[in-house]
């Protein structure tokens, strides 16, 4: 609730804020913000959500297969389509990248390899043979990131004791502390 001014007092007007060179851009920024706001409201579904295409590397397809296998759910047709996408993006060296045209990444490669095995591809399938060789060249399963190790643990393919453990109290450390959650998270 706004307090009334004391009797005899006048409202003090603050000078407008200035931002130097940015002042020239203010009107263009305001127009751009208004345009994107109108666009977002125009494409919003009646229920209040937005639906858009999510594009990324094949770890999404691999995660889709891994999670649905873990939960015992998933549409067989969609999972089969996911395997087609995984195979379509395999690098010539046998691995999988984390961005279009990028070098093979150990975590993406292990996820893709395991997802294909879960979908019934035999270990002697040419794509899996090539992938296994590339994975070993990159250091093997022990070199994958923690999230991939956890997926593998869930599905009985990696030892939980080999996954790095972080005490939950770390979240209480302030961000200025030399070791804090913001310095170790991705």
N, C-alpha and C. Protein backbone atom coordinates (compact mmCIF):
# COMPACT_ATOMS: atom_id res chain seq x y z
N UNK A 1 0.84 -1.18 0.00
CA UNK A 1 0.00 0.00 0.00
C UNK A 1 0.89 1.23 0.00
N UNK A 2 0.57 2.18 -0.87
CA UNK A 2 1.38 3.38 -1.01
C UNK A 2 1.09 4.35 0.13
N UNK A 3 2.14 4.90 0.72
CA UNK A 3 1.99 5.85 1.82
C UNK A 3 1.70 7.24 1.26
N UNK A 4 0.75 7.97 1.85
CA UNK A 4 0.50 9.35 1.39
C UNK A 4 1.67 10.24 1.78
N UNK A 5 1.86 11.28 0.98
CA UNK A 5 2.93 12.24 1.29
C UNK A 5 2.55 13.05 2.52
N UNK A 6 3.54 13.39 3.35
CA UNK A 6 3.24 14.25 4.51
C UNK A 6 2.71 15.61 4.03
N UNK A 7 1.95 16.26 4.89
CA UNK A 7 1.36 17.56 4.54
C UNK A 7 2.46 18.55 4.20
N UNK A 8 2.30 19.23 3.08
CA UNK A 8 3.26 20.24 2.63
C UNK A 8 4.40 19.68 1.80
N UNK A 9 4.52 18.36 1.71
CA UNK A 9 5.60 17.76 0.92
C UNK A 9 5.18 17.66 -0.54
N UNK A 10 6.13 17.76 -1.40
CA UNK A 10 5.85 17.58 -2.84
C UNK A 10 6.54 16.31 -3.30
N UNK A 11 5.95 15.69 -4.30
CA UNK A 11 6.52 14.44 -4.82
C UNK A 11 7.82 14.76 -5.55
N UNK A 12 8.83 14.05 -5.22
CA UNK A 12 10.15 14.28 -5.84
C UNK A 12 10.22 13.48 -7.13
N UNK A 13 10.57 14.13 -8.19
CA UNK A 13 10.72 13.47 -9.48
C UNK A 13 12.19 13.08 -9.67
N UNK A 14 12.42 11.82 -9.90
CA UNK A 14 13.78 11.36 -10.17
C UNK A 14 14.11 11.61 -11.63
N UNK A 15 15.35 11.95 -11.90
CA UNK A 15 15.72 12.13 -13.31
C UNK A 15 15.64 10.79 -14.04
N UNK A 16 15.34 10.82 -15.33
CA UNK A 16 15.27 9.55 -16.07
C UNK A 16 16.64 8.87 -16.08
N UNK A 17 16.62 7.55 -16.03
CA UNK A 17 17.88 6.81 -16.07
C UNK A 17 18.44 6.86 -17.48
N UNK A 18 19.74 6.94 -17.57
CA UNK A 18 20.39 6.92 -18.89
C UNK A 18 21.40 5.79 -18.92
N UNK A 19 21.63 5.28 -20.12
CA UNK A 19 22.53 4.15 -20.29
C UNK A 19 23.58 4.42 -21.37
N UNK A 20 23.92 5.67 -21.59
CA UNK A 20 24.95 6.01 -22.56
C UNK A 20 24.57 5.60 -23.97
N UNK A 21 25.46 4.87 -24.62
CA UNK A 21 25.25 4.44 -26.01
C UNK A 21 24.00 3.58 -26.17
N UNK A 22 23.62 2.90 -25.12
CA UNK A 22 22.44 2.03 -25.20
C UNK A 22 21.14 2.82 -25.32
N UNK A 23 21.15 4.10 -24.93
CA UNK A 23 19.94 4.90 -25.03
C UNK A 23 19.42 4.96 -26.46
N UNK A 24 20.31 4.99 -27.43
CA UNK A 24 19.91 5.04 -28.84
C UNK A 24 19.19 3.77 -29.26
N UNK A 25 19.48 2.67 -28.60
CA UNK A 25 18.89 1.39 -28.98
C UNK A 25 17.59 1.10 -28.24
N UNK A 26 17.26 1.87 -27.23
CA UNK A 26 16.10 1.58 -26.40
C UNK A 26 14.82 1.40 -27.20
N UNK A 27 14.56 2.30 -28.12
CA UNK A 27 13.30 2.20 -28.87
C UNK A 27 13.30 0.96 -29.75
N UNK A 28 14.44 0.63 -30.35
CA UNK A 28 14.51 -0.58 -31.18
C UNK A 28 14.35 -1.83 -30.33
N UNK A 29 14.93 -1.83 -29.16
CA UNK A 29 14.78 -2.97 -28.25
C UNK A 29 13.32 -3.11 -27.82
N UNK A 30 12.67 -2.00 -27.51
CA UNK A 30 11.27 -2.04 -27.11
C UNK A 30 10.39 -2.58 -28.23
N UNK A 31 10.67 -2.19 -29.48
CA UNK A 31 9.91 -2.69 -30.63
C UNK A 31 10.14 -4.19 -30.79
N UNK A 32 11.40 -4.63 -30.64
CA UNK A 32 11.72 -6.06 -30.77
C UNK A 32 11.03 -6.87 -29.68
N UNK A 33 11.04 -6.37 -28.46
CA UNK A 33 10.39 -7.08 -27.36
C UNK A 33 8.89 -7.18 -27.61
N UNK A 34 8.29 -6.09 -28.07
CA UNK A 34 6.86 -6.11 -28.35
C UNK A 34 6.53 -7.10 -29.47
N UNK A 35 7.37 -7.14 -30.51
CA UNK A 35 7.13 -8.06 -31.63
C UNK A 35 7.22 -9.52 -31.19
N UNK A 36 8.21 -9.87 -30.40
CA UNK A 36 8.36 -11.26 -29.98
C UNK A 36 7.25 -11.64 -29.00
N UNK A 37 6.85 -10.69 -28.16
CA UNK A 37 5.75 -10.95 -27.23
C UNK A 37 4.47 -11.26 -28.01
N UNK A 38 4.18 -10.45 -29.02
CA UNK A 38 2.99 -10.69 -29.85
C UNK A 38 3.08 -12.03 -30.56
N UNK A 39 4.26 -12.35 -31.07
CA UNK A 39 4.45 -13.63 -31.77
C UNK A 39 4.22 -14.80 -30.82
N UNK A 40 4.80 -14.74 -29.63
CA UNK A 40 4.64 -15.84 -28.67
C UNK A 40 3.19 -16.02 -28.25
N UNK A 41 2.47 -14.93 -28.04
CA UNK A 41 1.06 -15.06 -27.70
C UNK A 41 0.26 -15.62 -28.88
N UNK A 42 0.66 -15.29 -30.10
CA UNK A 42 -0.05 -15.77 -31.28
C UNK A 42 0.10 -17.28 -31.48
N UNK A 43 1.26 -17.83 -31.11
CA UNK A 43 1.48 -19.27 -31.32
C UNK A 43 1.17 -20.11 -30.08
N UNK A 44 0.77 -19.46 -29.00
CA UNK A 44 0.45 -20.19 -27.77
C UNK A 44 -0.85 -20.96 -27.93
N UNK A 45 -0.86 -22.21 -27.49
CA UNK A 45 -2.07 -23.03 -27.53
C UNK A 45 -3.11 -22.46 -26.55
N UNK A 46 -4.36 -22.75 -26.81
CA UNK A 46 -5.44 -22.27 -25.95
C UNK A 46 -5.27 -22.71 -24.50
N UNK A 47 -4.64 -23.87 -24.30
CA UNK A 47 -4.44 -24.39 -22.95
C UNK A 47 -3.29 -23.70 -22.23
N UNK A 48 -2.54 -22.85 -22.93
CA UNK A 48 -1.48 -22.07 -22.30
C UNK A 48 -0.06 -22.52 -22.56
N UNK A 49 0.15 -23.58 -23.32
CA UNK A 49 1.51 -24.06 -23.57
C UNK A 49 1.93 -23.73 -25.00
N UNK A 50 3.21 -23.90 -25.26
CA UNK A 50 3.75 -23.74 -26.60
C UNK A 50 4.25 -25.09 -27.07
N UNK A 51 4.09 -25.38 -28.31
CA UNK A 51 4.59 -26.62 -28.89
C UNK A 51 5.59 -26.25 -29.97
N UNK A 52 6.79 -26.74 -29.84
CA UNK A 52 7.82 -26.44 -30.82
C UNK A 52 8.70 -27.64 -31.05
N UNK A 53 9.45 -27.58 -32.11
CA UNK A 53 10.35 -28.67 -32.45
C UNK A 53 11.62 -28.56 -31.61
N UNK A 54 12.02 -29.67 -31.04
CA UNK A 54 13.24 -29.72 -30.25
C UNK A 54 14.30 -30.43 -31.08
N UNK A 55 15.34 -29.69 -31.43
CA UNK A 55 16.41 -30.28 -32.23
C UNK A 55 17.67 -30.36 -31.38
N UNK A 56 18.32 -31.49 -31.45
CA UNK A 56 19.55 -31.67 -30.68
C UNK A 56 20.31 -32.85 -31.28
N UNK A 57 21.28 -33.33 -30.54
CA UNK A 57 22.05 -34.49 -30.99
C UNK A 57 21.27 -35.77 -30.68
N UNK A 58 21.87 -36.90 -30.95
CA UNK A 58 21.16 -38.18 -30.78
C UNK A 58 21.04 -38.62 -29.32
N UNK A 59 21.58 -37.85 -28.39
CA UNK A 59 21.40 -38.24 -27.00
C UNK A 59 19.93 -38.19 -26.60
N UNK A 60 19.14 -37.35 -27.26
CA UNK A 60 17.70 -37.33 -26.96
C UNK A 60 17.06 -38.65 -27.34
N UNK A 61 17.38 -39.15 -28.53
CA UNK A 61 16.83 -40.43 -28.96
C UNK A 61 17.32 -41.56 -28.06
N UNK A 62 18.61 -41.50 -27.73
CA UNK A 62 19.16 -42.53 -26.83
C UNK A 62 18.48 -42.48 -25.47
N UNK A 63 18.33 -41.28 -24.92
CA UNK A 63 17.65 -41.13 -23.63
C UNK A 63 16.22 -41.63 -23.70
N UNK A 64 15.55 -41.35 -24.80
CA UNK A 64 14.16 -41.79 -24.99
C UNK A 64 14.08 -43.32 -24.87
N UNK A 65 14.99 -43.99 -25.56
CA UNK A 65 15.01 -45.46 -25.53
C UNK A 65 15.40 -45.97 -24.14
N UNK A 66 16.44 -45.37 -23.55
CA UNK A 66 16.90 -45.82 -22.23
C UNK A 66 15.81 -45.65 -21.17
N UNK A 67 15.16 -44.49 -21.15
CA UNK A 67 14.14 -44.23 -20.13
C UNK A 67 12.93 -45.13 -20.33
N UNK A 68 12.47 -45.26 -21.58
CA UNK A 68 11.30 -46.11 -21.80
C UNK A 68 11.60 -47.58 -21.54
N UNK A 69 12.83 -47.99 -21.78
CA UNK A 69 13.21 -49.37 -21.44
C UNK A 69 13.20 -49.53 -19.92
N UNK A 70 13.75 -48.57 -19.23
CA UNK A 70 13.79 -48.60 -17.77
C UNK A 70 12.39 -48.64 -17.17
N UNK A 71 11.48 -47.86 -17.73
CA UNK A 71 10.12 -47.78 -17.20
C UNK A 71 9.18 -48.85 -17.75
N UNK A 72 9.63 -49.54 -18.79
CA UNK A 72 8.78 -50.54 -19.42
C UNK A 72 7.62 -49.91 -20.18
N UNK A 73 7.84 -48.72 -20.70
CA UNK A 73 6.81 -48.00 -21.44
C UNK A 73 7.34 -47.68 -22.84
N UNK A 74 6.67 -46.83 -23.54
CA UNK A 74 7.16 -46.37 -24.83
C UNK A 74 6.44 -47.01 -25.99
N UNK A 75 6.33 -46.25 -27.04
CA UNK A 75 5.70 -46.70 -28.27
C UNK A 75 6.76 -47.38 -29.13
N UNK A 76 6.53 -48.63 -29.49
CA UNK A 76 7.52 -49.41 -30.25
C UNK A 76 7.86 -48.72 -31.57
N UNK A 77 6.87 -48.14 -32.22
CA UNK A 77 7.12 -47.45 -33.48
C UNK A 77 8.02 -46.25 -33.32
N UNK A 78 7.78 -45.46 -32.28
CA UNK A 78 8.63 -44.29 -32.03
C UNK A 78 10.04 -44.71 -31.63
N UNK A 79 10.12 -45.76 -30.85
CA UNK A 79 11.44 -46.23 -30.45
C UNK A 79 12.22 -46.74 -31.66
N UNK A 80 11.54 -47.39 -32.59
CA UNK A 80 12.19 -47.85 -33.82
C UNK A 80 12.66 -46.66 -34.65
N UNK A 81 11.83 -45.60 -34.71
CA UNK A 81 12.23 -44.38 -35.43
C UNK A 81 13.46 -43.75 -34.77
N UNK A 82 13.50 -43.81 -33.45
CA UNK A 82 14.65 -43.25 -32.73
C UNK A 82 15.93 -43.99 -33.11
N UNK A 83 15.86 -45.30 -33.28
CA UNK A 83 17.06 -46.06 -33.67
C UNK A 83 17.51 -45.66 -35.08
N UNK A 84 16.56 -45.39 -35.97
CA UNK A 84 16.91 -44.95 -37.32
C UNK A 84 17.68 -43.64 -37.25
N UNK A 85 17.20 -42.72 -36.40
CA UNK A 85 17.89 -41.43 -36.25
C UNK A 85 19.27 -41.61 -35.64
N UNK A 86 19.38 -42.48 -34.66
CA UNK A 86 20.68 -42.73 -34.04
C UNK A 86 21.66 -43.23 -35.10
N UNK A 87 21.25 -44.21 -35.86
CA UNK A 87 22.13 -44.78 -36.90
C UNK A 87 22.45 -43.76 -37.99
N UNK A 88 21.50 -42.91 -38.31
CA UNK A 88 21.68 -41.91 -39.37
C UNK A 88 22.76 -40.89 -39.01
N UNK A 89 22.96 -40.65 -37.74
CA UNK A 89 23.90 -39.62 -37.31
C UNK A 89 25.23 -40.18 -36.80
N UNK A 90 25.47 -41.47 -37.00
CA UNK A 90 26.74 -42.05 -36.57
C UNK A 90 27.87 -41.47 -37.42
N UNK A 91 28.93 -41.04 -36.76
CA UNK A 91 30.11 -40.53 -37.48
C UNK A 91 30.82 -41.65 -38.21
N UNK A 92 31.62 -41.27 -39.19
CA UNK A 92 32.38 -42.26 -39.96
C UNK A 92 33.33 -43.06 -39.09
N UNK A 93 33.80 -42.44 -37.99
CA UNK A 93 34.73 -43.16 -37.11
C UNK A 93 34.02 -44.13 -36.16
N UNK A 94 32.68 -44.16 -36.22
CA UNK A 94 31.92 -45.11 -35.40
C UNK A 94 31.24 -44.52 -34.18
N UNK A 95 31.64 -43.31 -33.79
CA UNK A 95 31.04 -42.68 -32.62
C UNK A 95 29.91 -41.74 -32.99
N UNK A 96 29.42 -41.03 -31.99
CA UNK A 96 28.34 -40.06 -32.19
C UNK A 96 28.76 -38.72 -31.60
N UNK A 97 28.42 -37.62 -32.29
CA UNK A 97 28.78 -36.28 -31.80
C UNK A 97 27.70 -35.70 -30.88
N UNK A 98 28.04 -34.61 -30.21
CA UNK A 98 27.03 -33.91 -29.40
C UNK A 98 26.55 -32.64 -30.11
N UNK A 99 27.04 -32.40 -31.31
CA UNK A 99 26.50 -31.33 -32.16
C UNK A 99 26.75 -31.72 -33.60
N UNK A 100 25.92 -31.18 -34.50
CA UNK A 100 25.97 -31.55 -35.91
C UNK A 100 27.37 -31.31 -36.48
N UNK A 101 27.93 -32.35 -37.05
CA UNK A 101 29.25 -32.26 -37.67
C UNK A 101 30.41 -32.30 -36.69
N UNK A 102 30.12 -32.50 -35.41
CA UNK A 102 31.17 -32.48 -34.40
C UNK A 102 31.90 -33.81 -34.29
N UNK A 103 32.97 -33.81 -33.51
CA UNK A 103 33.71 -35.05 -33.30
C UNK A 103 32.93 -36.00 -32.39
N UNK A 104 33.30 -37.24 -32.43
CA UNK A 104 32.63 -38.23 -31.59
C UNK A 104 32.85 -37.91 -30.12
N UNK A 105 31.81 -38.10 -29.34
CA UNK A 105 31.83 -37.84 -27.91
C UNK A 105 31.61 -39.17 -27.19
N UNK A 106 32.40 -39.44 -26.17
CA UNK A 106 32.34 -40.73 -25.49
C UNK A 106 30.97 -40.99 -24.87
N UNK A 107 30.38 -40.00 -24.20
CA UNK A 107 29.09 -40.22 -23.54
C UNK A 107 27.97 -40.43 -24.55
N UNK A 108 27.93 -39.61 -25.59
CA UNK A 108 26.91 -39.77 -26.63
C UNK A 108 27.06 -41.11 -27.32
N UNK A 109 28.30 -41.54 -27.52
CA UNK A 109 28.55 -42.81 -28.21
C UNK A 109 28.13 -44.01 -27.37
N UNK A 110 28.43 -43.98 -26.08
CA UNK A 110 28.03 -45.08 -25.20
C UNK A 110 26.51 -45.15 -25.09
N UNK A 111 25.86 -43.99 -24.96
CA UNK A 111 24.39 -43.98 -24.90
C UNK A 111 23.79 -44.56 -26.18
N UNK A 112 24.31 -44.13 -27.33
CA UNK A 112 23.77 -44.61 -28.61
C UNK A 112 24.00 -46.11 -28.74
N UNK A 113 25.20 -46.56 -28.42
CA UNK A 113 25.53 -47.98 -28.51
C UNK A 113 24.57 -48.80 -27.64
N UNK A 114 24.39 -48.37 -26.39
CA UNK A 114 23.54 -49.13 -25.48
C UNK A 114 22.08 -49.08 -25.90
N UNK A 115 21.63 -47.92 -26.38
CA UNK A 115 20.24 -47.81 -26.86
C UNK A 115 19.99 -48.77 -28.01
N UNK A 116 20.95 -48.87 -28.92
CA UNK A 116 20.79 -49.80 -30.05
C UNK A 116 20.75 -51.25 -29.56
N UNK A 117 21.60 -51.58 -28.58
CA UNK A 117 21.56 -52.93 -28.02
C UNK A 117 20.21 -53.21 -27.36
N UNK A 118 19.69 -52.23 -26.63
CA UNK A 118 18.38 -52.41 -25.99
C UNK A 118 17.28 -52.62 -27.02
N UNK A 119 17.46 -52.07 -28.20
CA UNK A 119 16.46 -52.21 -29.26
C UNK A 119 16.66 -53.48 -30.08
N UNK A 120 17.60 -54.31 -29.66
CA UNK A 120 17.75 -55.61 -30.29
C UNK A 120 18.86 -55.75 -31.30
N UNK A 121 19.66 -54.72 -31.48
CA UNK A 121 20.79 -54.83 -32.41
C UNK A 121 21.84 -55.75 -31.78
N UNK A 122 22.34 -56.67 -32.57
CA UNK A 122 23.34 -57.63 -32.09
C UNK A 122 24.70 -56.94 -31.95
N UNK A 123 25.50 -57.38 -30.99
CA UNK A 123 26.83 -56.80 -30.81
C UNK A 123 27.71 -56.90 -32.06
N UNK A 124 27.41 -57.87 -32.94
CA UNK A 124 28.22 -58.00 -34.16
C UNK A 124 27.62 -57.23 -35.35
N UNK A 125 26.59 -56.42 -35.11
CA UNK A 125 26.06 -55.56 -36.16
C UNK A 125 27.18 -54.58 -36.55
N UNK A 126 27.38 -54.32 -37.83
CA UNK A 126 28.49 -53.44 -38.26
C UNK A 126 28.54 -52.09 -37.55
N UNK A 127 27.39 -51.46 -37.33
CA UNK A 127 27.38 -50.16 -36.65
C UNK A 127 27.85 -50.28 -35.21
N UNK A 128 27.47 -51.38 -34.55
CA UNK A 128 27.88 -51.58 -33.16
C UNK A 128 29.34 -51.99 -33.05
N UNK A 129 29.81 -52.79 -34.00
CA UNK A 129 31.24 -53.15 -34.00
C UNK A 129 32.10 -51.90 -34.13
N UNK A 130 31.72 -51.04 -35.07
CA UNK A 130 32.48 -49.81 -35.29
C UNK A 130 32.37 -48.89 -34.07
N UNK A 131 31.18 -48.81 -33.49
CA UNK A 131 30.98 -47.97 -32.31
C UNK A 131 31.81 -48.47 -31.13
N UNK A 132 31.79 -49.76 -30.90
CA UNK A 132 32.54 -50.33 -29.78
C UNK A 132 34.03 -50.02 -29.92
N UNK A 133 34.55 -50.14 -31.14
CA UNK A 133 35.97 -49.85 -31.36
C UNK A 133 36.26 -48.37 -31.06
N UNK A 134 35.38 -47.47 -31.52
CA UNK A 134 35.60 -46.04 -31.28
C UNK A 134 35.47 -45.71 -29.80
N UNK A 135 34.52 -46.33 -29.12
CA UNK A 135 34.35 -46.11 -27.68
C UNK A 135 35.61 -46.53 -26.93
N UNK A 136 36.18 -47.65 -27.29
CA UNK A 136 37.42 -48.11 -26.64
C UNK A 136 38.57 -47.15 -26.94
N UNK A 137 38.63 -46.63 -28.17
CA UNK A 137 39.68 -45.66 -28.52
C UNK A 137 39.56 -44.39 -27.69
N UNK A 138 38.33 -44.03 -27.31
CA UNK A 138 38.11 -42.82 -26.51
C UNK A 138 38.25 -43.07 -25.01
N UNK A 139 38.59 -44.29 -24.62
CA UNK A 139 38.85 -44.57 -23.21
C UNK A 139 37.87 -45.52 -22.55
N UNK A 140 36.82 -45.90 -23.24
CA UNK A 140 35.87 -46.86 -22.68
C UNK A 140 34.84 -46.22 -21.77
N UNK A 141 34.00 -47.07 -21.22
CA UNK A 141 32.84 -46.62 -20.45
C UNK A 141 33.22 -45.82 -19.20
N UNK A 142 34.39 -46.03 -18.65
CA UNK A 142 34.77 -45.28 -17.44
C UNK A 142 34.97 -43.79 -17.73
N UNK A 143 35.06 -43.41 -18.99
CA UNK A 143 35.28 -42.01 -19.36
C UNK A 143 33.99 -41.23 -19.59
N UNK A 144 32.83 -41.88 -19.52
CA UNK A 144 31.58 -41.18 -19.79
C UNK A 144 31.24 -40.23 -18.64
N UNK A 145 30.34 -39.28 -18.90
CA UNK A 145 29.94 -38.35 -17.85
C UNK A 145 29.08 -39.05 -16.79
N UNK A 146 28.88 -38.37 -15.69
CA UNK A 146 28.17 -38.95 -14.55
C UNK A 146 26.74 -39.34 -14.91
N UNK A 147 26.05 -38.50 -15.69
CA UNK A 147 24.67 -38.82 -16.05
C UNK A 147 24.58 -40.13 -16.83
N UNK A 148 25.52 -40.34 -17.74
CA UNK A 148 25.52 -41.58 -18.51
C UNK A 148 25.81 -42.76 -17.59
N UNK A 149 26.73 -42.59 -16.66
CA UNK A 149 27.01 -43.66 -15.70
C UNK A 149 25.77 -44.01 -14.89
N UNK A 150 25.01 -43.00 -14.49
CA UNK A 150 23.80 -43.26 -13.71
C UNK A 150 22.77 -44.02 -14.54
N UNK A 151 22.58 -43.62 -15.81
CA UNK A 151 21.69 -44.38 -16.69
C UNK A 151 22.12 -45.84 -16.75
N UNK A 152 23.41 -46.05 -16.93
CA UNK A 152 23.92 -47.42 -17.03
C UNK A 152 23.70 -48.18 -15.72
N UNK A 153 23.84 -47.50 -14.59
CA UNK A 153 23.56 -48.14 -13.29
C UNK A 153 22.11 -48.57 -13.21
N UNK A 154 21.21 -47.67 -13.60
CA UNK A 154 19.78 -47.99 -13.54
C UNK A 154 19.45 -49.25 -14.31
N UNK A 155 20.18 -49.46 -15.40
CA UNK A 155 19.90 -50.60 -16.26
C UNK A 155 20.87 -51.76 -16.03
N UNK A 156 21.56 -51.73 -14.88
CA UNK A 156 22.40 -52.85 -14.48
C UNK A 156 23.70 -53.01 -15.25
N UNK A 157 24.18 -51.94 -15.87
CA UNK A 157 25.38 -52.04 -16.70
C UNK A 157 26.60 -51.35 -16.12
N UNK A 158 26.47 -50.77 -14.94
CA UNK A 158 27.58 -50.05 -14.32
C UNK A 158 27.39 -50.12 -12.81
N UNK A 159 28.49 -50.13 -12.08
CA UNK A 159 28.45 -50.25 -10.63
C UNK A 159 28.18 -48.89 -9.98
N UNK A 160 27.14 -48.82 -9.16
CA UNK A 160 26.81 -47.56 -8.47
C UNK A 160 28.00 -47.02 -7.68
N UNK A 161 28.81 -47.90 -7.11
CA UNK A 161 29.96 -47.46 -6.31
C UNK A 161 31.02 -46.76 -7.16
N UNK A 162 30.96 -46.92 -8.47
CA UNK A 162 31.93 -46.28 -9.35
C UNK A 162 31.47 -44.90 -9.83
N UNK A 163 30.26 -44.49 -9.43
CA UNK A 163 29.74 -43.18 -9.81
C UNK A 163 30.18 -42.17 -8.75
N UNK A 164 30.72 -41.02 -9.16
CA UNK A 164 31.14 -40.02 -8.17
C UNK A 164 29.98 -39.62 -7.26
N UNK A 165 30.25 -39.60 -5.98
CA UNK A 165 29.24 -39.20 -4.99
C UNK A 165 29.55 -37.79 -4.51
N UNK A 166 28.55 -36.96 -4.49
CA UNK A 166 28.71 -35.59 -4.02
C UNK A 166 27.81 -35.41 -2.81
N UNK A 167 28.37 -35.03 -1.67
CA UNK A 167 27.54 -34.84 -0.48
C UNK A 167 26.48 -33.77 -0.73
N UNK A 168 25.24 -34.00 -0.34
CA UNK A 168 24.18 -33.02 -0.61
C UNK A 168 24.40 -31.68 0.08
N UNK A 169 25.21 -31.66 1.13
CA UNK A 169 25.47 -30.41 1.84
C UNK A 169 26.18 -29.37 0.97
N UNK A 170 26.76 -29.81 -0.13
CA UNK A 170 27.46 -28.88 -1.02
C UNK A 170 26.53 -27.78 -1.52
N UNK A 171 25.25 -28.08 -1.66
CA UNK A 171 24.33 -27.04 -2.13
C UNK A 171 24.22 -25.89 -1.15
N UNK A 172 24.65 -26.08 0.09
CA UNK A 172 24.60 -25.02 1.09
C UNK A 172 25.80 -24.08 1.01
N UNK A 173 26.85 -24.46 0.30
CA UNK A 173 28.02 -23.60 0.19
C UNK A 173 27.64 -22.35 -0.61
N UNK A 174 28.08 -21.17 -0.16
CA UNK A 174 27.77 -19.95 -0.92
C UNK A 174 28.52 -19.93 -2.26
N UNK A 175 27.98 -19.19 -3.22
CA UNK A 175 28.60 -19.19 -4.55
C UNK A 175 29.97 -18.53 -4.57
N UNK A 176 30.35 -17.78 -3.55
CA UNK A 176 31.68 -17.18 -3.51
C UNK A 176 32.73 -18.14 -2.93
N UNK A 177 32.28 -19.25 -2.35
CA UNK A 177 33.20 -20.22 -1.76
C UNK A 177 34.01 -20.89 -2.87
N UNK A 178 35.26 -21.22 -2.61
CA UNK A 178 36.15 -21.76 -3.64
C UNK A 178 35.61 -23.04 -4.27
N UNK A 179 34.81 -23.79 -3.54
CA UNK A 179 34.19 -25.00 -4.07
C UNK A 179 32.69 -24.89 -3.82
N UNK A 180 31.93 -24.76 -4.89
CA UNK A 180 30.48 -24.64 -4.74
C UNK A 180 29.79 -25.33 -5.91
N UNK A 181 28.50 -25.57 -5.76
CA UNK A 181 27.74 -26.33 -6.75
C UNK A 181 27.77 -25.67 -8.13
N UNK A 182 27.87 -24.35 -8.17
CA UNK A 182 27.86 -23.63 -9.44
C UNK A 182 29.16 -23.82 -10.22
N UNK A 183 30.22 -24.19 -9.53
CA UNK A 183 31.50 -24.42 -10.19
C UNK A 183 31.63 -25.85 -10.71
N UNK A 184 30.78 -26.76 -10.25
CA UNK A 184 30.92 -28.15 -10.68
C UNK A 184 29.76 -28.64 -11.52
N UNK A 185 28.72 -27.82 -11.67
CA UNK A 185 27.57 -28.27 -12.47
C UNK A 185 27.76 -27.85 -13.92
N UNK A 186 27.10 -28.58 -14.81
CA UNK A 186 27.25 -28.24 -16.22
C UNK A 186 26.07 -27.45 -16.71
